[in-house]
Amino acid sequence: MHITKDLVAASATPLVLGILADGESYGYAILKQVNELSGGHLEWTDGLLYPLLHRLERLGHVESTWHSPPGERRRKYYRITDQGQAELAEHRRQWTAVVDALRGVWSSGPALRPIPTLA
């Protein structure tokens, strides 16, 4: 299944903030988690993720620090800030409203078939 660029772009910020709400992480791990959470339907690239992380950092929604875990290479880790938590809560409210509206449209009308869910 192909997910349009518009939908990928609209969901990118809440996905990253949601992942970071569970704990700090670094770029490759975030990319991997997005892929896993979407069942492989979202395959982000560095070119999508890093500009988003830098924008979220400029906005004060995330902070970054460099770590060199023993035996591993140096990585930049990102964590959500209090401001980012508030932003995530706002995204949740907005997405809940959108999803509820879509469910209402998809469940009404005899001509519409149920849309399969992502498993």
N, C-alpha and C. Protein backbone atom coordinates (compact mmCIF):
# COMPACT_ATOMS: atom_id res chain seq x y z
N MET A 1 0.84 -1.17 0.00
CA MET A 1 0.00 0.00 0.00
C MET A 1 0.89 1.24 0.00
N HIS A 2 0.53 2.19 -0.82
CA HIS A 2 1.26 3.46 -0.89
C HIS A 2 0.53 4.49 -0.04
N ILE A 3 1.23 5.15 0.86
CA ILE A 3 0.67 6.23 1.66
C ILE A 3 1.15 7.54 1.05
N THR A 4 0.22 8.44 0.77
CA THR A 4 0.55 9.67 0.07
C THR A 4 1.50 10.55 0.88
N LYS A 5 2.24 11.38 0.15
CA LYS A 5 3.17 12.31 0.80
C LYS A 5 2.46 13.25 1.76
N ASP A 6 1.25 13.67 1.40
CA ASP A 6 0.50 14.58 2.27
C ASP A 6 0.19 13.94 3.62
N LEU A 7 -0.23 12.68 3.59
CA LEU A 7 -0.56 11.99 4.83
C LEU A 7 0.70 11.69 5.64
N VAL A 8 1.78 11.33 4.97
CA VAL A 8 3.06 11.11 5.66
C VAL A 8 3.49 12.40 6.35
N ALA A 9 3.43 13.50 5.63
CA ALA A 9 3.85 14.79 6.20
C ALA A 9 2.97 15.19 7.39
N ALA A 10 1.66 14.99 7.25
CA ALA A 10 0.75 15.38 8.33
C ALA A 10 0.95 14.55 9.59
N SER A 11 1.36 13.31 9.43
CA SER A 11 1.50 12.43 10.59
C SER A 11 2.91 12.40 11.17
N ALA A 12 3.87 13.02 10.51
CA ALA A 12 5.27 12.92 10.93
C ALA A 12 5.52 13.50 12.32
N THR A 13 5.06 14.70 12.57
CA THR A 13 5.32 15.34 13.86
C THR A 13 4.71 14.55 15.01
N PRO A 14 3.41 14.19 14.95
CA PRO A 14 2.87 13.44 16.09
C PRO A 14 3.53 12.06 16.26
N LEU A 15 3.95 11.44 15.17
CA LEU A 15 4.64 10.16 15.29
C LEU A 15 5.97 10.31 16.03
N VAL A 16 6.76 11.28 15.63
CA VAL A 16 8.06 11.48 16.27
C VAL A 16 7.89 11.90 17.72
N LEU A 17 7.00 12.83 17.98
CA LEU A 17 6.79 13.26 19.37
C LEU A 17 6.26 12.10 20.21
N GLY A 18 5.38 11.28 19.64
CA GLY A 18 4.85 10.13 20.36
C GLY A 18 5.93 9.12 20.69
N ILE A 19 6.83 8.87 19.75
CA ILE A 19 7.94 7.95 19.99
C ILE A 19 8.85 8.50 21.08
N LEU A 20 9.16 9.79 21.01
CA LEU A 20 10.05 10.38 22.00
C LEU A 20 9.38 10.53 23.37
N ALA A 21 8.05 10.53 23.41
CA ALA A 21 7.35 10.57 24.70
C ALA A 21 7.60 9.29 25.50
N ASP A 22 7.98 8.22 24.81
CA ASP A 22 8.30 6.95 25.49
C ASP A 22 9.75 6.90 25.95
N GLY A 23 10.56 7.87 25.56
CA GLY A 23 11.96 7.91 25.98
C GLY A 23 12.84 8.43 24.87
N GLU A 24 14.04 8.86 25.25
CA GLU A 24 14.94 9.43 24.26
C GLU A 24 15.36 8.38 23.24
N SER A 25 15.69 8.85 22.05
CA SER A 25 16.08 7.94 20.98
C SER A 25 16.94 8.69 19.98
N TYR A 26 17.55 7.95 19.07
CA TYR A 26 18.38 8.54 18.02
C TYR A 26 17.75 8.24 16.66
N GLY A 27 18.24 8.92 15.64
CA GLY A 27 17.62 8.90 14.33
C GLY A 27 17.31 7.54 13.76
N TYR A 28 18.32 6.67 13.66
CA TYR A 28 18.08 5.35 13.06
C TYR A 28 17.04 4.56 13.83
N ALA A 29 17.07 4.64 15.16
CA ALA A 29 16.09 3.92 15.98
C ALA A 29 14.68 4.46 15.76
N ILE A 30 14.56 5.78 15.56
CA ILE A 30 13.25 6.38 15.28
C ILE A 30 12.74 5.88 13.93
N LEU A 31 13.61 5.89 12.91
CA LEU A 31 13.22 5.39 11.59
C LEU A 31 12.73 3.95 11.68
N LYS A 32 13.46 3.13 12.41
CA LYS A 32 13.11 1.72 12.56
C LYS A 32 11.77 1.56 13.28
N GLN A 33 11.54 2.37 14.32
CA GLN A 33 10.30 2.27 15.08
C GLN A 33 9.10 2.72 14.26
N VAL A 34 9.25 3.76 13.45
CA VAL A 34 8.16 4.19 12.58
C VAL A 34 7.79 3.07 11.62
N ASN A 35 8.81 2.44 11.05
CA ASN A 35 8.56 1.33 10.12
C ASN A 35 7.83 0.19 10.82
N GLU A 36 8.28 -0.15 12.02
CA GLU A 36 7.64 -1.24 12.77
C GLU A 36 6.21 -0.90 13.18
N LEU A 37 5.99 0.31 13.68
CA LEU A 37 4.66 0.73 14.12
C LEU A 37 3.65 0.72 12.97
N SER A 38 4.14 1.00 11.77
CA SER A 38 3.24 1.07 10.61
C SER A 38 3.14 -0.26 9.87
N GLY A 39 3.74 -1.29 10.41
CA GLY A 39 3.72 -2.58 9.73
C GLY A 39 4.44 -2.53 8.39
N GLY A 40 5.43 -1.65 8.30
CA GLY A 40 6.22 -1.53 7.08
C GLY A 40 5.64 -0.61 6.03
N HIS A 41 4.50 0.01 6.32
CA HIS A 41 3.87 0.90 5.34
C HIS A 41 4.52 2.28 5.28
N LEU A 42 5.17 2.69 6.37
CA LEU A 42 5.88 3.97 6.38
C LEU A 42 7.37 3.69 6.43
N GLU A 43 8.03 3.94 5.34
CA GLU A 43 9.48 3.76 5.26
C GLU A 43 10.12 5.12 5.07
N TRP A 44 10.33 5.80 6.18
CA TRP A 44 10.92 7.13 6.13
C TRP A 44 12.38 7.06 5.77
N THR A 45 12.88 8.17 5.24
CA THR A 45 14.30 8.30 4.93
C THR A 45 14.92 9.33 5.87
N ASP A 46 16.24 9.37 5.87
CA ASP A 46 16.95 10.41 6.63
C ASP A 46 16.50 11.79 6.20
N GLY A 47 16.23 11.94 4.91
CA GLY A 47 15.84 13.23 4.35
C GLY A 47 14.51 13.73 4.85
N LEU A 48 13.68 12.86 5.37
CA LEU A 48 12.43 13.27 5.99
C LEU A 48 12.64 13.50 7.48
N LEU A 49 13.32 12.58 8.15
CA LEU A 49 13.42 12.62 9.60
C LEU A 49 14.28 13.75 10.14
N TYR A 50 15.50 13.89 9.63
CA TYR A 50 16.41 14.86 10.25
C TYR A 50 15.97 16.31 10.11
N PRO A 51 15.46 16.73 8.97
CA PRO A 51 14.91 18.10 8.94
C PRO A 51 13.76 18.29 9.93
N LEU A 52 12.93 17.25 10.10
CA LEU A 52 11.85 17.33 11.07
C LEU A 52 12.39 17.45 12.49
N LEU A 53 13.36 16.62 12.84
CA LEU A 53 13.97 16.71 14.17
C LEU A 53 14.60 18.08 14.42
N HIS A 54 15.28 18.61 13.41
CA HIS A 54 15.90 19.94 13.57
C HIS A 54 14.84 21.02 13.74
N ARG A 55 13.72 20.91 13.01
CA ARG A 55 12.63 21.88 13.15
C ARG A 55 12.02 21.78 14.55
N LEU A 56 11.76 20.55 15.00
CA LEU A 56 11.19 20.36 16.34
C LEU A 56 12.13 20.89 17.42
N GLU A 57 13.42 20.78 17.19
CA GLU A 57 14.39 21.31 18.14
C GLU A 57 14.36 22.84 18.13
N ARG A 58 14.31 23.45 16.95
CA ARG A 58 14.23 24.92 16.86
C ARG A 58 12.97 25.44 17.56
N LEU A 59 11.87 24.69 17.46
CA LEU A 59 10.60 25.10 18.07
C LEU A 59 10.57 24.85 19.58
N GLY A 60 11.58 24.14 20.09
CA GLY A 60 11.63 23.84 21.52
C GLY A 60 10.84 22.61 21.92
N HIS A 61 10.42 21.80 20.96
CA HIS A 61 9.65 20.59 21.26
C HIS A 61 10.53 19.40 21.61
N VAL A 62 11.78 19.41 21.13
CA VAL A 62 12.74 18.36 21.48
C VAL A 62 14.08 19.01 21.80
N GLU A 63 14.89 18.28 22.55
CA GLU A 63 16.27 18.67 22.84
C GLU A 63 17.15 17.51 22.43
N SER A 64 18.40 17.83 22.12
CA SER A 64 19.31 16.77 21.71
C SER A 64 20.61 16.85 22.50
N THR A 65 21.22 15.68 22.67
CA THR A 65 22.53 15.58 23.30
C THR A 65 23.28 14.45 22.60
N TRP A 66 24.60 14.59 22.58
CA TRP A 66 25.44 13.56 22.01
C TRP A 66 25.84 12.57 23.09
N HIS A 67 25.75 11.27 22.77
CA HIS A 67 26.17 10.21 23.69
C HIS A 67 27.09 9.26 22.94
N SER A 68 28.04 8.71 23.67
CA SER A 68 28.93 7.68 23.13
C SER A 68 28.81 6.45 24.03
N PRO A 69 27.80 5.62 23.78
CA PRO A 69 27.66 4.42 24.61
C PRO A 69 28.91 3.54 24.48
N PRO A 70 29.30 2.85 25.55
CA PRO A 70 30.50 2.01 25.49
C PRO A 70 30.41 0.99 24.34
N GLY A 71 31.45 0.96 23.55
CA GLY A 71 31.51 0.02 22.44
C GLY A 71 30.71 0.40 21.22
N GLU A 72 30.07 1.57 21.26
CA GLU A 72 29.26 2.01 20.12
C GLU A 72 29.76 3.37 19.64
N ARG A 73 29.32 3.74 18.45
CA ARG A 73 29.72 5.04 17.93
C ARG A 73 28.90 6.15 18.56
N ARG A 74 29.39 7.34 18.45
CA ARG A 74 28.74 8.52 19.00
C ARG A 74 27.44 8.78 18.24
N ARG A 75 26.36 9.05 18.99
CA ARG A 75 25.06 9.30 18.37
C ARG A 75 24.41 10.51 19.03
N LYS A 76 23.58 11.18 18.24
CA LYS A 76 22.81 12.30 18.76
C LYS A 76 21.44 11.76 19.18
N TYR A 77 21.16 11.90 20.47
CA TYR A 77 19.89 11.44 21.03
C TYR A 77 18.95 12.62 21.20
N TYR A 78 17.67 12.36 20.95
CA TYR A 78 16.63 13.37 21.06
C TYR A 78 15.67 12.98 22.17
N ARG A 79 15.18 14.00 22.89
CA ARG A 79 14.16 13.75 23.90
C ARG A 79 13.12 14.86 23.83
N ILE A 80 11.91 14.52 24.19
CA ILE A 80 10.81 15.47 24.14
C ILE A 80 10.90 16.41 25.35
N THR A 81 10.52 17.65 25.16
CA THR A 81 10.51 18.65 26.23
C THR A 81 9.08 18.78 26.76
N ASP A 82 8.92 19.56 27.81
CA ASP A 82 7.57 19.84 28.32
C ASP A 82 6.73 20.52 27.24
N GLN A 83 7.35 21.42 26.51
CA GLN A 83 6.64 22.10 25.41
C GLN A 83 6.25 21.08 24.34
N GLY A 84 7.13 20.14 24.08
CA GLY A 84 6.82 19.08 23.12
C GLY A 84 5.69 18.18 23.60
N GLN A 85 5.64 17.93 24.90
CA GLN A 85 4.53 17.14 25.46
C GLN A 85 3.20 17.85 25.24
N ALA A 86 3.20 19.18 25.44
CA ALA A 86 1.98 19.96 25.20
C ALA A 86 1.60 19.92 23.72
N GLU A 87 2.59 20.01 22.86
CA GLU A 87 2.34 19.94 21.42
C GLU A 87 1.78 18.58 21.03
N LEU A 88 2.33 17.53 21.61
CA LEU A 88 1.83 16.18 21.34
C LEU A 88 0.38 16.04 21.79
N ALA A 89 0.05 16.58 22.95
CA ALA A 89 -1.33 16.53 23.43
C ALA A 89 -2.28 17.24 22.47
N GLU A 90 -1.83 18.37 21.91
CA GLU A 90 -2.65 19.08 20.93
C GLU A 90 -2.82 18.26 19.65
N HIS A 91 -1.75 17.63 19.19
CA HIS A 91 -1.85 16.78 18.00
C HIS A 91 -2.81 15.63 18.25
N ARG A 92 -2.77 15.05 19.44
CA ARG A 92 -3.69 13.95 19.77
C ARG A 92 -5.13 14.42 19.69
N ARG A 93 -5.42 15.59 20.23
CA ARG A 93 -6.79 16.13 20.16
C ARG A 93 -7.23 16.31 18.71
N GLN A 94 -6.33 16.88 17.90
CA GLN A 94 -6.68 17.12 16.50
C GLN A 94 -6.87 15.82 15.73
N TRP A 95 -5.95 14.87 15.90
CA TRP A 95 -6.06 13.60 15.18
C TRP A 95 -7.28 12.82 15.63
N THR A 96 -7.63 12.88 16.91
CA THR A 96 -8.84 12.20 17.39
C THR A 96 -10.06 12.76 16.69
N ALA A 97 -10.13 14.08 16.54
CA ALA A 97 -11.26 14.70 15.84
C ALA A 97 -11.32 14.25 14.38
N VAL A 98 -10.17 14.20 13.72
CA VAL A 98 -10.12 13.79 12.31
C VAL A 98 -10.53 12.32 12.17
N VAL A 99 -9.96 11.46 13.00
CA VAL A 99 -10.27 10.03 12.93
C VAL A 99 -11.75 9.79 13.23
N ASP A 100 -12.30 10.47 14.23
CA ASP A 100 -13.73 10.32 14.54
C ASP A 100 -14.59 10.75 13.35
N ALA A 101 -14.22 11.85 12.71
CA ALA A 101 -14.98 12.31 11.54
C ALA A 101 -14.90 11.29 10.41
N LEU A 102 -13.71 10.76 10.16
CA LEU A 102 -13.56 9.76 9.11
C LEU A 102 -14.35 8.50 9.41
N ARG A 103 -14.32 8.05 10.65
CA ARG A 103 -15.12 6.88 11.04
C ARG A 103 -16.60 7.13 10.79
N GLY A 104 -17.04 8.34 11.12
CA GLY A 104 -18.44 8.69 10.88
C GLY A 104 -18.80 8.64 9.42
N VAL A 105 -17.93 9.14 8.58
CA VAL A 105 -18.18 9.12 7.13
C VAL A 105 -18.12 7.70 6.60
N TRP A 106 -17.13 6.95 7.02
CA TRP A 106 -16.96 5.59 6.51
C TRP A 106 -18.04 4.64 6.99
N SER A 107 -18.62 4.90 8.15
CA SER A 107 -19.63 3.98 8.68
C SER A 107 -21.04 4.36 8.24
N SER A 108 -21.21 5.53 7.66
CA SER A 108 -22.54 5.94 7.22
C SER A 108 -22.68 5.76 5.72
N GLY A 109 -23.90 5.66 5.28
CA GLY A 109 -24.16 5.55 3.84
C GLY A 109 -24.06 4.12 3.35
N PRO A 110 -25.07 3.66 2.66
CA PRO A 110 -25.09 2.27 2.18
C PRO A 110 -24.06 2.00 1.09
N ALA A 111 -23.59 3.02 0.40
CA ALA A 111 -22.66 2.79 -0.72
C ALA A 111 -21.23 2.58 -0.24
N LEU A 112 -20.97 2.90 1.02
CA LEU A 112 -19.59 2.80 1.51
C LEU A 112 -19.34 1.45 2.17
N ARG A 113 -18.25 0.84 1.78
CA ARG A 113 -17.80 -0.39 2.42
C ARG A 113 -16.84 -0.03 3.55
N PRO A 114 -16.76 -0.87 4.57
CA PRO A 114 -15.77 -0.59 5.63
C PRO A 114 -14.37 -0.60 5.06
N ILE A 115 -13.56 0.31 5.54
CA ILE A 115 -12.16 0.40 5.14
C ILE A 115 -11.36 -0.56 6.01
N PRO A 116 -10.52 -1.41 5.40
CA PRO A 116 -9.71 -2.31 6.23
C PRO A 116 -8.76 -1.53 7.12
N THR A 117 -8.52 -2.04 8.30
CA THR A 117 -7.60 -1.38 9.23
C THR A 117 -6.19 -1.90 9.00
N LEU A 118 -5.21 -1.08 9.40
CA LEU A 118 -3.82 -1.52 9.33
C LEU A 118 -3.58 -2.49 10.46
N ALA A 119 -3.07 -3.61 10.16
CA ALA A 119 -2.82 -4.60 11.20
C ALA A 119 -1.38 -4.57 11.64
